[in-house]
């Protein structure tokens, strides 16, 4: 899925957490939307010549699921 990968910090209560997001921006606008659910507490697992692998978890209905994102450089 093409999009812009960003990793940023968010405050949840009094704790600071990292979140990775993959977003796309409308062609003729400044609005962006998440392409897939955010990856919480992402960790860099591997670096290749054309990709990186991130591991974290996605949350749905207060349940966390371990996920890995393979991000290919375009």
C-alpha atoms as a PDB file:
ATOM      1  CA  UNK A   1       0.000   0.000   0.000  1.00  0.00           C
ATOM      2  CA  UNK A   2       1.527   3.310  -0.952  1.00  0.00           C
ATOM      3  CA  UNK A   3       1.505   6.063   1.629  1.00  0.00           C
ATOM      4  CA  UNK A   4       3.574   8.240   3.929  1.00  0.00           C
ATOM      5  CA  UNK A   5       5.113   6.474   6.926  1.00  0.00           C
ATOM      6  CA  UNK A   6       5.579   8.556  10.056  1.00  0.00           C
ATOM      7  CA  UNK A   7       6.504   7.743  13.639  1.00  0.00           C
ATOM      8  CA  UNK A   8       5.511  10.189  16.320  1.00  0.00           C
ATOM      9  CA  UNK A   9       4.763  10.402  20.034  1.00  0.00           C
ATOM     10  CA  UNK A  10       1.295  10.693  21.548  1.00  0.00           C
ATOM     11  CA  UNK A  11       0.235  11.293  25.134  1.00  0.00           C
ATOM     12  CA  UNK A  12      -2.162   8.788  26.658  1.00  0.00           C
ATOM     13  CA  UNK A  13      -3.093   9.973  30.142  1.00  0.00           C
ATOM     14  CA  UNK A  14       0.264  10.950  31.614  1.00  0.00           C
ATOM     15  CA  UNK A  15       2.313   8.448  29.567  1.00  0.00           C
ATOM     16  CA  UNK A  16       4.092   9.174  26.290  1.00  0.00           C
ATOM     17  CA  UNK A  17       3.822   6.469  23.583  1.00  0.00           C
ATOM     18  CA  UNK A  18       5.245   6.079  20.084  1.00  0.00           C
ATOM     19  CA  UNK A  19       2.917   5.385  17.175  1.00  0.00           C
ATOM     20  CA  UNK A  20       3.646   4.603  13.518  1.00  0.00           C
ATOM     21  CA  UNK A  21       1.071   5.635  10.939  1.00  0.00           C
ATOM     22  CA  UNK A  22       0.712   5.089   7.215  1.00  0.00           C
ATOM     23  CA  UNK A  23      -1.317   7.899   5.663  1.00  0.00           C
ATOM     24  CA  UNK A  24      -2.375   9.071   2.252  1.00  0.00           C
ATOM     25  CA  UNK A  25      -3.224  12.631   1.254  1.00  0.00           C
ATOM     26  CA  UNK A  26      -6.050  13.590  -1.093  1.00  0.00           C
ATOM     27  CA  UNK A  27      -4.800  14.541  -4.558  1.00  0.00           C
ATOM     28  CA  UNK A  28      -6.109  18.095  -4.437  1.00  0.00           C
ATOM     29  CA  UNK A  29      -6.208  18.770  -0.761  1.00  0.00           C
ATOM     30  CA  UNK A  30      -4.405  18.814   2.505  1.00  0.00           C
ATOM     31  CA  UNK A  31      -6.579  16.206   4.231  1.00  0.00           C
ATOM     32  CA  UNK A  32      -4.913  12.922   5.052  1.00  0.00           C
ATOM     33  CA  UNK A  33      -6.292   9.658   6.365  1.00  0.00           C
ATOM     34  CA  UNK A  34      -4.823   6.486   7.847  1.00  0.00           C
ATOM     35  CA  UNK A  35      -4.472   3.740   5.247  1.00  0.00           C
ATOM     36  CA  UNK A  36      -4.264   1.031   7.931  1.00  0.00           C
ATOM     37  CA  UNK A  37      -4.685   1.132  11.719  1.00  0.00           C
ATOM     38  CA  UNK A  38      -1.782   2.736  13.640  1.00  0.00           C
ATOM     39  CA  UNK A  39       1.074   0.567  14.931  1.00  0.00           C
ATOM     40  CA  UNK A  40       1.667   1.232  18.634  1.00  0.00           C
ATOM     41  CA  UNK A  41       5.145   1.094  20.219  1.00  0.00           C
ATOM     42  CA  UNK A  42       6.887   0.268  16.911  1.00  0.00           C
ATOM     43  CA  UNK A  43      10.323  -1.329  17.112  1.00  0.00           C
ATOM     44  CA  UNK A  44      12.808  -1.526  14.253  1.00  0.00           C
ATOM     45  CA  UNK A  45      13.398  -5.254  13.656  1.00  0.00           C
ATOM     46  CA  UNK A  46      15.406  -5.331  10.419  1.00  0.00           C
ATOM     47  CA  UNK A  47      16.869  -3.038   7.783  1.00  0.00           C
ATOM     48  CA  UNK A  48      17.383  -4.179   4.188  1.00  0.00           C
ATOM     49  CA  UNK A  49      18.607  -2.429   1.064  1.00  0.00           C
ATOM     50  CA  UNK A  50      15.051  -1.684  -0.070  1.00  0.00           C
ATOM     51  CA  UNK A  51      12.932  -2.113   3.055  1.00  0.00           C
ATOM     52  CA  UNK A  52      12.626  -1.951   6.830  1.00  0.00           C
ATOM     53  CA  UNK A  53      10.631  -4.183   9.172  1.00  0.00           C
ATOM     54  CA  UNK A  54       8.726  -2.668  12.105  1.00  0.00           C
ATOM     55  CA  UNK A  55       7.033  -4.664  14.876  1.00  0.00           C
ATOM     56  CA  UNK A  56       4.449  -3.330  17.299  1.00  0.00           C
ATOM     57  CA  UNK A  57       0.808  -3.861  18.100  1.00  0.00           C
ATOM     58  CA  UNK A  58      -2.527  -2.727  16.775  1.00  0.00           C
ATOM     59  CA  UNK A  59      -5.416  -2.162  19.143  1.00  0.00           C
ATOM     60  CA  UNK A  60      -9.023  -3.022  18.376  1.00  0.00           C
ATOM     61  CA  UNK A  61     -11.812  -2.975  20.968  1.00  0.00           C
ATOM     62  CA  UNK A  62      -9.227  -2.729  23.781  1.00  0.00           C
ATOM     63  CA  UNK A  63      -7.427  -5.872  22.533  1.00  0.00           C
ATOM     64  CA  UNK A  64      -3.838  -5.673  21.266  1.00  0.00           C
ATOM     65  CA  UNK A  65      -2.554  -7.712  18.324  1.00  0.00           C
ATOM     66  CA  UNK A  66       1.152  -8.078  17.484  1.00  0.00           C
ATOM     67  CA  UNK A  67       1.754  -6.854  13.928  1.00  0.00           C
ATOM     68  CA  UNK A  68       4.735  -6.438  11.641  1.00  0.00           C
ATOM     69  CA  UNK A  69       4.968  -3.898   8.849  1.00  0.00           C
ATOM     70  CA  UNK A  70       7.384  -4.463   5.989  1.00  0.00           C
ATOM     71  CA  UNK A  71       7.980  -0.999   4.567  1.00  0.00           C
ATOM     72  CA  UNK A  72       9.407  -1.006   1.046  1.00  0.00           C
ATOM     73  CA  UNK A  73      11.165   2.152  -0.167  1.00  0.00           C
ATOM     74  CA  UNK A  74       9.628   3.643  -3.301  1.00  0.00           C
END
